Amino acid sequence: MSRTIRVDRTNLHYTDGAHELVLPVEWSAVAKTEDCPIDLEIVAGELGFWTVPAGEPIAPARREELLDEIAEYYAKGPVADILGPKGSLLRGQSKFRFYLQIPPTPSRYYEVGRFLEIPMAQPAPGARAWNERYILDFTGSRHWTQPQLALEAAHLQEIARRIARKERIGVRGLPE
């Protein structure tokens, strides 16, 4: 079966001859960085069902093959990340994804296959500077949220460094 992948302004279209899959895309309007060198995001969500035939389930092993195939195709250009539920990084060229939230909602940090929810500290009354209003509080964060794996202090410090450099926000509660 001949497999084709193409993207237009709003969707990625994948076909393998027997099935079709249509996934929404979002073109990046931000400057590329070393950590996030993408041109577009492919929003895969749960990726549980084919578009045609409508509602036919995608087997878990086939889902992984699809993610790998699409990621490999878009590693050459235009460069894309494949995002799952809540913006999780399923595959792609970016080293991480970060979603800043307004306190008290925790912010979200993703690496491929891993998710870390980071509490946001309440800003001091009258705080006006960006890095005083938005502060990540790593106190007690010593494990990935999903999957439940230990998070080494050096890696946690690297996560904090990446986020603070990109977002220019405050950080506290890191292990020594």
N, C-alpha and C. Protein backbone atom coordinates (compact mmCIF):
# COMPACT_ATOMS: atom_id res chain seq x y z
N MET A 1 0.83 -1.18 0.00
CA MET A 1 0.00 0.00 0.00
C MET A 1 0.88 1.24 0.00
N SER A 2 0.47 2.20 -0.78
CA SER A 2 1.20 3.46 -0.87
C SER A 2 0.75 4.39 0.25
N ARG A 3 1.73 4.87 1.01
CA ARG A 3 1.44 5.79 2.09
C ARG A 3 1.79 7.20 1.66
N THR A 4 0.89 8.15 1.95
CA THR A 4 1.18 9.54 1.63
C THR A 4 0.87 10.41 2.84
N ILE A 5 1.68 11.44 2.97
CA ILE A 5 1.48 12.45 4.01
C ILE A 5 1.55 13.80 3.32
N ARG A 6 0.58 14.65 3.62
CA ARG A 6 0.63 16.02 3.11
C ARG A 6 -0.02 16.92 4.16
N VAL A 7 0.36 18.17 4.10
CA VAL A 7 -0.19 19.13 5.05
C VAL A 7 -0.66 20.36 4.28
N ASP A 8 -1.79 20.91 4.72
CA ASP A 8 -2.27 22.17 4.15
C ASP A 8 -2.27 23.21 5.26
N ARG A 9 -2.98 24.26 5.10
CA ARG A 9 -2.95 25.33 6.10
C ARG A 9 -3.53 24.92 7.44
N THR A 10 -4.42 23.93 7.46
CA THR A 10 -5.12 23.61 8.70
C THR A 10 -5.00 22.16 9.15
N ASN A 11 -4.64 21.25 8.24
CA ASN A 11 -4.66 19.83 8.58
C ASN A 11 -3.51 19.05 7.97
N LEU A 12 -3.15 17.97 8.65
CA LEU A 12 -2.27 16.95 8.09
C LEU A 12 -3.16 15.84 7.55
N HIS A 13 -2.87 15.36 6.36
CA HIS A 13 -3.64 14.29 5.74
C HIS A 13 -2.71 13.10 5.53
N TYR A 14 -3.07 11.96 6.12
CA TYR A 14 -2.29 10.74 6.02
C TYR A 14 -3.20 9.67 5.41
N THR A 15 -2.67 8.92 4.44
CA THR A 15 -3.42 7.80 3.90
C THR A 15 -2.48 6.64 3.64
N ASP A 16 -2.98 5.43 3.89
CA ASP A 16 -2.19 4.24 3.61
C ASP A 16 -2.88 3.34 2.59
N GLY A 17 -3.89 3.87 1.90
CA GLY A 17 -4.63 3.10 0.91
C GLY A 17 -5.92 2.53 1.46
N ALA A 18 -5.89 2.04 2.69
CA ALA A 18 -7.09 1.49 3.32
C ALA A 18 -7.69 2.44 4.34
N HIS A 19 -6.88 3.36 4.87
CA HIS A 19 -7.32 4.27 5.91
C HIS A 19 -6.90 5.70 5.59
N GLU A 20 -7.64 6.63 6.14
CA GLU A 20 -7.25 8.03 6.07
C GLU A 20 -7.28 8.60 7.48
N LEU A 21 -6.36 9.51 7.73
CA LEU A 21 -6.27 10.18 9.02
C LEU A 21 -6.09 11.67 8.77
N VAL A 22 -6.92 12.48 9.42
CA VAL A 22 -6.81 13.93 9.30
C VAL A 22 -6.59 14.47 10.71
N LEU A 23 -5.48 15.18 10.89
CA LEU A 23 -5.13 15.77 12.18
C LEU A 23 -4.96 17.28 12.02
N PRO A 24 -5.45 18.07 12.97
CA PRO A 24 -5.26 19.51 12.87
C PRO A 24 -3.81 19.90 13.08
N VAL A 25 -3.39 20.99 12.44
CA VAL A 25 -2.04 21.51 12.61
C VAL A 25 -2.12 22.98 13.01
N GLU A 26 -1.09 23.42 13.71
CA GLU A 26 -0.95 24.83 14.05
C GLU A 26 0.43 25.26 13.61
N TRP A 27 0.48 26.25 12.74
CA TRP A 27 1.76 26.75 12.25
C TRP A 27 2.36 27.66 13.31
N SER A 28 3.65 27.50 13.57
CA SER A 28 4.33 28.27 14.59
C SER A 28 4.59 29.69 14.11
N ALA A 29 4.27 30.63 14.97
CA ALA A 29 4.50 32.04 14.64
C ALA A 29 5.66 32.60 15.45
N VAL A 30 6.37 31.73 16.15
CA VAL A 30 7.49 32.19 16.98
C VAL A 30 8.81 31.83 16.32
N ALA A 31 9.83 32.55 16.70
CA ALA A 31 11.16 32.28 16.16
C ALA A 31 11.66 30.93 16.64
N LYS A 32 12.33 30.22 15.76
CA LYS A 32 12.89 28.93 16.11
C LYS A 32 14.05 29.11 17.09
N THR A 33 14.16 28.14 17.99
CA THR A 33 15.29 28.12 18.91
C THR A 33 15.93 26.75 18.84
N GLU A 34 17.07 26.59 19.47
CA GLU A 34 17.73 25.29 19.51
C GLU A 34 16.85 24.25 20.19
N ASP A 35 16.13 24.67 21.23
CA ASP A 35 15.27 23.75 21.96
C ASP A 35 13.94 23.49 21.27
N CYS A 36 13.51 24.40 20.40
CA CYS A 36 12.22 24.26 19.72
C CYS A 36 12.35 24.74 18.27
N PRO A 37 12.90 23.86 17.39
CA PRO A 37 13.18 24.27 16.01
C PRO A 37 12.05 23.97 15.02
N ILE A 38 10.79 24.08 15.45
CA ILE A 38 9.69 23.61 14.61
C ILE A 38 9.04 24.70 13.78
N ASP A 39 8.39 24.27 12.69
CA ASP A 39 7.60 25.14 11.84
C ASP A 39 6.11 24.98 12.14
N LEU A 40 5.70 23.78 12.59
CA LEU A 40 4.30 23.53 12.87
C LEU A 40 4.15 22.48 13.97
N GLU A 41 2.96 22.47 14.56
CA GLU A 41 2.59 21.46 15.55
C GLU A 41 1.47 20.63 14.97
N ILE A 42 1.58 19.33 15.10
CA ILE A 42 0.53 18.41 14.66
C ILE A 42 -0.19 17.96 15.92
N VAL A 43 -1.47 18.27 16.01
CA VAL A 43 -2.24 17.99 17.22
C VAL A 43 -2.87 16.61 17.08
N ALA A 44 -2.22 15.61 17.68
CA ALA A 44 -2.67 14.22 17.55
C ALA A 44 -3.65 13.81 18.63
N GLY A 45 -3.69 14.51 19.76
CA GLY A 45 -4.58 14.13 20.84
C GLY A 45 -4.35 12.69 21.25
N GLU A 46 -5.42 11.96 21.47
CA GLU A 46 -5.33 10.56 21.87
C GLU A 46 -4.96 9.65 20.69
N LEU A 47 -5.24 10.10 19.47
CA LEU A 47 -4.97 9.35 18.24
C LEU A 47 -5.48 7.92 18.36
N GLY A 48 -6.78 7.81 18.60
CA GLY A 48 -7.38 6.50 18.82
C GLY A 48 -8.19 5.95 17.66
N PHE A 49 -8.58 6.81 16.70
CA PHE A 49 -9.48 6.37 15.64
C PHE A 49 -9.10 6.96 14.29
N TRP A 50 -9.34 6.18 13.23
CA TRP A 50 -9.12 6.64 11.87
C TRP A 50 -10.22 7.62 11.50
N THR A 51 -9.93 8.54 10.59
CA THR A 51 -10.94 9.45 10.07
C THR A 51 -11.82 8.71 9.07
N VAL A 52 -11.19 7.91 8.18
CA VAL A 52 -11.90 7.06 7.22
C VAL A 52 -11.25 5.69 7.26
N PRO A 53 -11.97 4.60 7.48
CA PRO A 53 -13.38 4.56 7.83
C PRO A 53 -13.62 5.18 9.21
N ALA A 54 -14.64 5.99 9.28
CA ALA A 54 -14.92 6.78 10.48
C ALA A 54 -15.12 5.88 11.69
N GLY A 55 -14.39 6.21 12.75
CA GLY A 55 -14.56 5.53 14.03
C GLY A 55 -13.84 4.20 14.17
N GLU A 56 -13.13 3.75 13.11
CA GLU A 56 -12.40 2.48 13.24
C GLU A 56 -11.20 2.71 14.17
N PRO A 57 -11.07 1.88 15.21
CA PRO A 57 -9.97 2.09 16.17
C PRO A 57 -8.60 1.86 15.53
N ILE A 58 -7.63 2.62 16.03
CA ILE A 58 -6.23 2.44 15.64
C ILE A 58 -5.59 1.61 16.74
N ALA A 59 -5.05 0.46 16.38
CA ALA A 59 -4.39 -0.41 17.36
C ALA A 59 -3.21 0.32 17.99
N PRO A 60 -2.93 0.09 19.28
CA PRO A 60 -1.82 0.79 19.94
C PRO A 60 -0.48 0.66 19.22
N ALA A 61 -0.16 -0.53 18.71
CA ALA A 61 1.11 -0.71 18.00
C ALA A 61 1.11 0.12 16.71
N ARG A 62 -0.02 0.16 16.02
CA ARG A 62 -0.13 0.95 14.79
C ARG A 62 -0.04 2.44 15.11
N ARG A 63 -0.60 2.85 16.25
CA ARG A 63 -0.52 4.24 16.69
C ARG A 63 0.94 4.66 16.83
N GLU A 64 1.75 3.82 17.47
CA GLU A 64 3.17 4.12 17.65
C GLU A 64 3.88 4.20 16.30
N GLU A 65 3.55 3.29 15.37
CA GLU A 65 4.12 3.32 14.02
C GLU A 65 3.76 4.63 13.31
N LEU A 66 2.49 5.05 13.43
CA LEU A 66 2.05 6.30 12.80
C LEU A 66 2.82 7.50 13.35
N LEU A 67 2.95 7.56 14.68
CA LEU A 67 3.68 8.67 15.29
C LEU A 67 5.12 8.71 14.80
N ASP A 68 5.77 7.54 14.75
CA ASP A 68 7.15 7.47 14.27
C ASP A 68 7.25 7.89 12.81
N GLU A 69 6.33 7.40 11.98
CA GLU A 69 6.37 7.69 10.55
C GLU A 69 6.15 9.18 10.27
N ILE A 70 5.18 9.78 10.94
CA ILE A 70 4.90 11.21 10.74
C ILE A 70 6.07 12.04 11.27
N ALA A 71 6.60 11.69 12.44
CA ALA A 71 7.73 12.43 13.01
C ALA A 71 8.95 12.35 12.10
N GLU A 72 9.22 11.17 11.54
CA GLU A 72 10.36 11.02 10.64
C GLU A 72 10.18 11.87 9.38
N TYR A 73 8.97 11.85 8.85
CA TYR A 73 8.68 12.64 7.65
C TYR A 73 8.91 14.12 7.89
N TYR A 74 8.46 14.62 9.05
CA TYR A 74 8.58 16.05 9.35
C TYR A 74 9.87 16.42 10.05
N ALA A 75 10.80 15.50 10.18
CA ALA A 75 12.12 15.84 10.72
C ALA A 75 12.96 16.53 9.65
N LYS A 76 12.57 16.39 8.39
CA LYS A 76 13.34 16.94 7.28
C LYS A 76 12.92 18.35 6.91
N GLY A 77 11.69 18.71 7.14
CA GLY A 77 11.19 20.04 6.84
C GLY A 77 9.95 20.03 5.98
N PRO A 78 8.95 20.85 6.28
CA PRO A 78 8.97 21.70 7.46
C PRO A 78 9.02 20.85 8.73
N VAL A 79 9.66 21.35 9.75
CA VAL A 79 9.89 20.59 10.98
C VAL A 79 8.67 20.71 11.89
N ALA A 80 8.25 19.56 12.44
CA ALA A 80 7.04 19.54 13.26
C ALA A 80 7.23 18.74 14.54
N ASP A 81 6.45 19.11 15.54
CA ASP A 81 6.28 18.30 16.75
C ASP A 81 4.90 17.69 16.68
N ILE A 82 4.74 16.52 17.27
CA ILE A 82 3.42 15.89 17.36
C ILE A 82 2.99 15.99 18.81
N LEU A 83 1.84 16.66 19.02
CA LEU A 83 1.35 16.91 20.36
C LEU A 83 0.16 16.01 20.68
N GLY A 84 0.14 15.52 21.91
CA GLY A 84 -0.95 14.69 22.39
C GLY A 84 -1.87 15.48 23.30
N PRO A 85 -2.58 14.77 24.17
CA PRO A 85 -3.51 15.44 25.09
C PRO A 85 -2.81 16.47 25.96
N LYS A 86 -3.46 17.60 26.17
CA LYS A 86 -2.96 18.70 26.99
C LYS A 86 -1.60 19.21 26.54
N GLY A 87 -1.29 19.07 25.25
CA GLY A 87 -0.04 19.59 24.71
C GLY A 87 1.18 18.71 24.94
N SER A 88 0.95 17.45 25.36
CA SER A 88 2.09 16.57 25.62
C SER A 88 2.90 16.34 24.36
N LEU A 89 4.21 16.24 24.52
CA LEU A 89 5.13 16.06 23.40
C LEU A 89 5.26 14.56 23.12
N LEU A 90 4.60 14.10 22.04
CA LEU A 90 4.64 12.68 21.69
C LEU A 90 5.87 12.32 20.88
N ARG A 91 6.20 13.14 19.90
CA ARG A 91 7.37 12.96 19.05
C ARG A 91 7.74 14.33 18.51
N GLY A 92 8.95 14.46 18.00
CA GLY A 92 9.31 15.70 17.34
C GLY A 92 10.75 16.10 17.57
N GLN A 93 11.07 17.28 17.09
CA GLN A 93 12.42 17.80 17.15
C GLN A 93 12.69 18.64 18.39
N SER A 94 11.64 19.13 19.04
CA SER A 94 11.83 19.95 20.23
C SER A 94 12.34 19.09 21.38
N LYS A 95 13.20 19.67 22.21
CA LYS A 95 13.71 18.96 23.38
C LYS A 95 12.68 18.97 24.50
N PHE A 96 11.86 20.02 24.54
CA PHE A 96 10.86 20.12 25.58
C PHE A 96 9.74 21.06 25.14
N ARG A 97 8.63 21.01 25.88
CA ARG A 97 7.52 21.94 25.71
C ARG A 97 7.17 22.45 27.10
N PHE A 98 6.83 23.73 27.21
CA PHE A 98 6.46 24.29 28.49
C PHE A 98 5.24 25.18 28.31
N TYR A 99 4.30 25.05 29.21
CA TYR A 99 3.08 25.84 29.19
C TYR A 99 2.94 26.58 30.52
N LEU A 100 3.17 27.87 30.50
CA LEU A 100 3.09 28.70 31.69
C LEU A 100 1.63 28.93 32.05
N GLN A 101 1.31 28.78 33.33
CA GLN A 101 -0.05 28.99 33.81
C GLN A 101 -0.07 30.11 34.84
N ILE A 102 -1.22 30.69 35.03
CA ILE A 102 -1.40 31.75 36.02
C ILE A 102 -1.61 31.09 37.38
N PRO A 103 -0.85 31.54 38.42
CA PRO A 103 -1.02 30.96 39.75
C PRO A 103 -2.48 31.07 40.19
N PRO A 104 -3.02 30.06 40.83
CA PRO A 104 -2.39 28.90 41.45
C PRO A 104 -2.36 27.65 40.56
N THR A 105 -2.79 27.76 39.29
CA THR A 105 -2.77 26.60 38.40
C THR A 105 -1.33 26.18 38.11
N PRO A 106 -0.99 24.89 38.26
CA PRO A 106 0.38 24.44 37.98
C PRO A 106 0.73 24.58 36.50
N SER A 107 1.97 24.93 36.22
CA SER A 107 2.46 24.96 34.84
C SER A 107 2.82 23.54 34.43
N ARG A 108 2.97 23.32 33.10
CA ARG A 108 3.23 21.97 32.59
C ARG A 108 4.51 21.97 31.76
N TYR A 109 5.38 21.00 32.01
CA TYR A 109 6.63 20.81 31.28
C TYR A 109 6.61 19.40 30.70
N TYR A 110 6.96 19.27 29.41
CA TYR A 110 6.96 17.98 28.74
C TYR A 110 8.30 17.71 28.07
N GLU A 111 8.75 16.48 28.18
CA GLU A 111 9.76 15.91 27.31
C GLU A 111 9.07 14.72 26.68
N VAL A 112 9.62 14.17 25.62
CA VAL A 112 8.96 13.04 24.95
C VAL A 112 8.72 11.92 25.96
N GLY A 113 7.44 11.58 26.13
CA GLY A 113 7.05 10.48 27.01
C GLY A 113 7.03 10.81 28.49
N ARG A 114 7.27 12.08 28.86
CA ARG A 114 7.31 12.46 30.28
C ARG A 114 6.60 13.79 30.48
N PHE A 115 5.99 13.93 31.66
CA PHE A 115 5.23 15.12 31.99
C PHE A 115 5.52 15.51 33.43
N LEU A 116 5.76 16.80 33.66
CA LEU A 116 6.00 17.32 35.00
C LEU A 116 5.08 18.50 35.24
N GLU A 117 4.27 18.37 36.27
CA GLU A 117 3.40 19.47 36.70
C GLU A 117 4.17 20.25 37.75
N ILE A 118 4.33 21.56 37.54
CA ILE A 118 5.14 22.39 38.44
C ILE A 118 4.24 23.44 39.08
N PRO A 119 4.11 23.40 40.42
CA PRO A 119 3.29 24.41 41.09
C PRO A 119 3.82 25.82 40.85
N MET A 120 2.89 26.76 40.80
CA MET A 120 3.24 28.17 40.66
C MET A 120 3.08 28.83 42.03
N ALA A 121 4.12 29.53 42.48
CA ALA A 121 4.07 30.21 43.76
C ALA A 121 3.18 31.45 43.65
N GLN A 122 2.50 31.78 44.71
CA GLN A 122 1.71 33.01 44.73
C GLN A 122 2.67 34.20 44.77
N PRO A 123 2.47 35.18 43.93
CA PRO A 123 3.37 36.34 43.94
C PRO A 123 3.17 37.17 45.21
N ALA A 124 4.21 37.88 45.59
CA ALA A 124 4.12 38.79 46.73
C ALA A 124 3.17 39.94 46.37
N PRO A 125 2.45 40.44 47.35
CA PRO A 125 1.56 41.57 47.06
C PRO A 125 2.35 42.73 46.44
N GLY A 126 1.80 43.29 45.39
CA GLY A 126 2.43 44.42 44.72
C GLY A 126 3.53 44.06 43.74
N ALA A 127 3.79 42.77 43.55
CA ALA A 127 4.84 42.35 42.60
C ALA A 127 4.47 42.81 41.20
N ARG A 128 5.41 43.46 40.54
CA ARG A 128 5.14 43.97 39.20
C ARG A 128 6.04 43.35 38.15
N ALA A 129 7.26 43.04 38.51
CA ALA A 129 8.21 42.46 37.54
C ALA A 129 7.75 41.05 37.17
N TRP A 130 7.94 40.69 35.91
CA TRP A 130 7.52 39.39 35.38
C TRP A 130 8.07 38.25 36.22
N ASN A 131 9.37 38.30 36.57
CA ASN A 131 9.99 37.20 37.31
C ASN A 131 9.59 37.21 38.79
N GLU A 132 8.88 38.22 39.24
CA GLU A 132 8.34 38.25 40.60
C GLU A 132 6.88 37.82 40.63
N ARG A 133 6.18 37.98 39.51
CA ARG A 133 4.77 37.59 39.43
C ARG A 133 4.61 36.13 39.05
N TYR A 134 5.55 35.60 38.27
CA TYR A 134 5.49 34.21 37.82
C TYR A 134 6.70 33.47 38.35
N ILE A 135 6.46 32.61 39.35
CA ILE A 135 7.55 31.89 40.01
C ILE A 135 7.20 30.41 40.07
N LEU A 136 8.07 29.59 39.47
CA LEU A 136 7.91 28.13 39.57
C LEU A 136 8.41 27.69 40.94
N ASP A 137 7.61 26.86 41.61
CA ASP A 137 7.98 26.38 42.94
C ASP A 137 8.27 24.88 42.86
N PHE A 138 9.55 24.53 42.79
CA PHE A 138 9.97 23.13 42.67
C PHE A 138 10.05 22.41 44.01
N THR A 139 9.67 23.07 45.10
CA THR A 139 9.69 22.44 46.42
C THR A 139 8.83 21.17 46.36
N GLY A 140 9.42 20.05 46.68
CA GLY A 140 8.68 18.78 46.67
C GLY A 140 8.61 18.10 45.31
N SER A 141 9.04 18.74 44.24
CA SER A 141 9.02 18.13 42.91
C SER A 141 10.28 17.29 42.73
N ARG A 142 10.17 16.00 42.96
CA ARG A 142 11.33 15.12 42.83
C ARG A 142 11.03 13.90 41.96
N HIS A 143 9.80 13.87 41.40
CA HIS A 143 9.37 12.78 40.51
C HIS A 143 8.61 13.38 39.33
N TRP A 144 8.70 12.73 38.18
CA TRP A 144 7.86 13.09 37.04
C TRP A 144 6.42 12.83 37.45
N THR A 145 5.51 13.64 36.95
CA THR A 145 4.08 13.43 37.21
C THR A 145 3.61 12.17 36.48
N GLN A 146 4.02 12.03 35.22
CA GLN A 146 3.72 10.84 34.42
C GLN A 146 4.93 10.54 33.56
N PRO A 147 5.44 9.37 33.49
CA PRO A 147 5.22 8.27 34.43
C PRO A 147 5.88 8.58 35.77
N GLN A 148 5.50 7.86 36.78
CA GLN A 148 6.02 8.08 38.13
C GLN A 148 7.45 7.57 38.22
N LEU A 149 8.40 8.37 37.77
CA LEU A 149 9.82 8.04 37.82
C LEU A 149 10.56 9.10 38.62
N ALA A 150 11.62 8.69 39.29
CA ALA A 150 12.44 9.64 40.05
C ALA A 150 13.05 10.65 39.09
N LEU A 151 13.20 11.87 39.57
CA LEU A 151 13.76 12.96 38.79
C LEU A 151 15.03 13.41 39.49
N GLU A 152 16.18 13.19 38.86
CA GLU A 152 17.47 13.54 39.46
C GLU A 152 17.58 15.06 39.64
N ALA A 153 18.29 15.46 40.69
CA ALA A 153 18.45 16.88 41.01
C ALA A 153 19.07 17.65 39.84
N ALA A 154 20.07 17.07 39.19
CA ALA A 154 20.72 17.75 38.06
C ALA A 154 19.75 17.97 36.90
N HIS A 155 18.91 16.99 36.65
CA HIS A 155 17.94 17.12 35.56
C HIS A 155 16.87 18.16 35.93
N LEU A 156 16.45 18.17 37.17
CA LEU A 156 15.47 19.14 37.64
C LEU A 156 16.04 20.56 37.51
N GLN A 157 17.31 20.73 37.83
CA GLN A 157 17.96 22.03 37.69
C GLN A 157 18.05 22.44 36.21
N GLU A 158 18.31 21.48 35.34
CA GLU A 158 18.34 21.76 33.90
C GLU A 158 16.96 22.18 33.39
N ILE A 159 15.91 21.51 33.87
CA ILE A 159 14.55 21.89 33.50
C ILE A 159 14.28 23.34 33.92
N ALA A 160 14.63 23.65 35.16
CA ALA A 160 14.42 25.02 35.67
C ALA A 160 15.21 26.03 34.85
N ARG A 161 16.45 25.71 34.50
CA ARG A 161 17.28 26.61 33.70
C ARG A 161 16.66 26.86 32.32
N ARG A 162 16.20 25.78 31.68
CA ARG A 162 15.58 25.92 30.35
C ARG A 162 14.36 26.84 30.42
N ILE A 163 13.50 26.58 31.40
CA ILE A 163 12.26 27.36 31.50
C ILE A 163 12.56 28.81 31.83
N ALA A 164 13.42 29.04 32.83
CA ALA A 164 13.73 30.41 33.24
C ALA A 164 14.37 31.20 32.10
N ARG A 165 15.24 30.53 31.33
CA ARG A 165 15.89 31.19 30.19
C ARG A 165 14.87 31.57 29.12
N LYS A 166 13.96 30.66 28.84
CA LYS A 166 12.97 30.89 27.79
C LYS A 166 11.89 31.88 28.22
N GLU A 167 11.35 31.71 29.42
CA GLU A 167 10.21 32.49 29.86
C GLU A 167 10.58 33.71 30.70
N ARG A 168 11.81 33.75 31.21
CA ARG A 168 12.28 34.84 32.07
C ARG A 168 11.40 34.98 33.31
N ILE A 169 11.19 33.83 33.97
CA ILE A 169 10.38 33.82 35.19
C ILE A 169 11.23 33.35 36.36
N GLY A 170 10.70 33.52 37.56
CA GLY A 170 11.42 33.14 38.77
C GLY A 170 11.32 31.66 39.07
N VAL A 171 12.27 31.18 39.86
CA VAL A 171 12.34 29.76 40.25
C VAL A 171 12.72 29.70 41.72
N ARG A 172 12.10 28.77 42.46
CA ARG A 172 12.51 28.52 43.83
C ARG A 172 12.28 27.06 44.17
N GLY A 173 12.92 26.61 45.28
CA GLY A 173 12.70 25.26 45.78
C GLY A 173 13.49 24.17 45.08
N LEU A 174 14.56 24.53 44.36
CA LEU A 174 15.37 23.50 43.69
C LEU A 174 16.27 22.79 44.71
N PRO A 175 16.51 21.47 44.50
CA PRO A 175 17.42 20.75 45.37
C PRO A 175 18.86 21.22 45.12
N GLU A 176 19.68 21.10 46.13
CA GLU A 176 21.09 21.51 46.01
C GLU A 176 21.89 20.49 45.26
